[in-house]
Protein backbone atom coordinates (compact mmCIF):
# COMPACT_ATOMS: atom_id res chain seq x y z
CA UNK A 1 9.44 -57.83 -7.09
CA UNK A 2 9.09 -61.29 -7.54
CA UNK A 3 9.86 -63.27 -4.83
CA UNK A 4 11.25 -67.11 -4.92
CA UNK A 5 9.83 -69.77 -3.08
CA UNK A 6 12.30 -70.87 -0.66
CA UNK A 7 11.29 -74.39 -0.01
CA UNK A 8 10.23 -73.75 3.71
CA UNK A 9 13.61 -72.42 4.86
CA UNK A 10 13.20 -70.56 8.05
CA UNK A 11 9.48 -69.68 7.13
CA UNK A 12 10.58 -66.75 5.13
CA UNK A 13 10.73 -65.69 1.28
CA UNK A 14 14.44 -66.14 -0.10
CA UNK A 15 15.46 -62.88 -2.53
CA UNK A 16 18.33 -62.67 -5.00
CA UNK A 17 20.86 -59.94 -4.60
CA UNK A 18 19.00 -57.70 -7.06
CA UNK A 19 15.90 -58.09 -5.01
CA UNK A 20 17.32 -57.69 -1.81
CA UNK A 21 18.91 -54.47 -2.97
CA UNK A 22 15.75 -53.12 -4.28
CA UNK A 23 14.01 -54.27 -0.97
CA UNK A 24 16.92 -52.24 1.04
CA UNK A 25 16.63 -49.27 -1.53
CA UNK A 26 20.53 -50.11 -2.23
CA UNK A 27 22.85 -50.86 -5.17
CA UNK A 28 23.27 -54.58 -5.95
CA UNK A 29 27.34 -53.28 -5.89
CA UNK A 30 26.76 -52.48 -2.14
CA UNK A 31 25.66 -55.90 -1.21
CA UNK A 32 28.43 -57.17 -3.32
CA UNK A 33 30.95 -55.20 -1.18
CA UNK A 34 29.36 -56.02 2.12
CA UNK A 35 29.69 -59.59 1.27
CA UNK A 36 33.32 -59.30 0.93
CA UNK A 37 34.13 -57.12 3.43
CA UNK A 38 31.66 -57.63 6.23
CA UNK A 39 29.07 -55.36 7.82
CA UNK A 40 25.92 -56.40 5.80
CA UNK A 41 22.94 -58.40 6.13
CA UNK A 42 23.60 -62.07 6.58
CA UNK A 43 23.26 -64.24 3.38
CA UNK A 44 22.91 -67.87 2.24
CA UNK A 45 25.25 -69.21 -0.32
CA UNK A 46 24.24 -72.02 -2.50
CA UNK A 47 26.99 -73.24 -4.27
CA UNK A 48 27.19 -69.85 -6.88
CA UNK A 49 23.85 -68.68 -5.99
CA UNK A 50 23.25 -66.00 -3.05
CA UNK A 51 20.14 -65.56 -1.64
CA UNK A 52 19.00 -63.33 1.17
CA UNK A 53 16.45 -64.32 3.42
CA UNK A 54 13.54 -61.61 4.07
CA UNK A 55 13.44 -62.08 7.86
CA UNK A 56 17.32 -61.43 7.89
CA UNK A 57 16.62 -58.30 5.86
CA UNK A 58 14.25 -56.84 8.42
CA UNK A 59 16.43 -57.77 11.20
CA UNK A 60 19.38 -56.03 9.36
CA UNK A 61 17.24 -53.19 9.02
CA UNK A 62 15.96 -53.26 12.84
CA UNK A 63 19.64 -53.47 14.00
CA UNK A 64 20.32 -50.03 12.19
CA UNK A 65 17.22 -48.29 13.88
CA UNK A 66 18.53 -44.74 15.42
CA UNK A 67 16.46 -42.08 16.92
CA UNK A 68 19.81 -39.38 16.50
CA UNK A 69 22.79 -39.30 14.07
CA UNK A 70 24.91 -38.90 17.16
CA UNK A 71 24.59 -42.44 18.37
CA UNK A 72 27.26 -44.70 18.45
CA UNK A 73 27.30 -47.85 16.35
CA UNK A 74 28.56 -51.16 17.18
């Protein structure tokens, strides 16, 4: 995966939708759908370009950590 230097934004690497999907193990279309419906990781919109902060992706994953399939999600 080729990381994109983000010019120091929030001290993290910025990923394209394709890179973020690979990082999360999801399809690009899943991230695209979440951007429209909500419920996915936060993203940054730069004109037409969409970028995901690696820190935000890690926070998203951490917020989904469960110990049981019966846990109630928010």
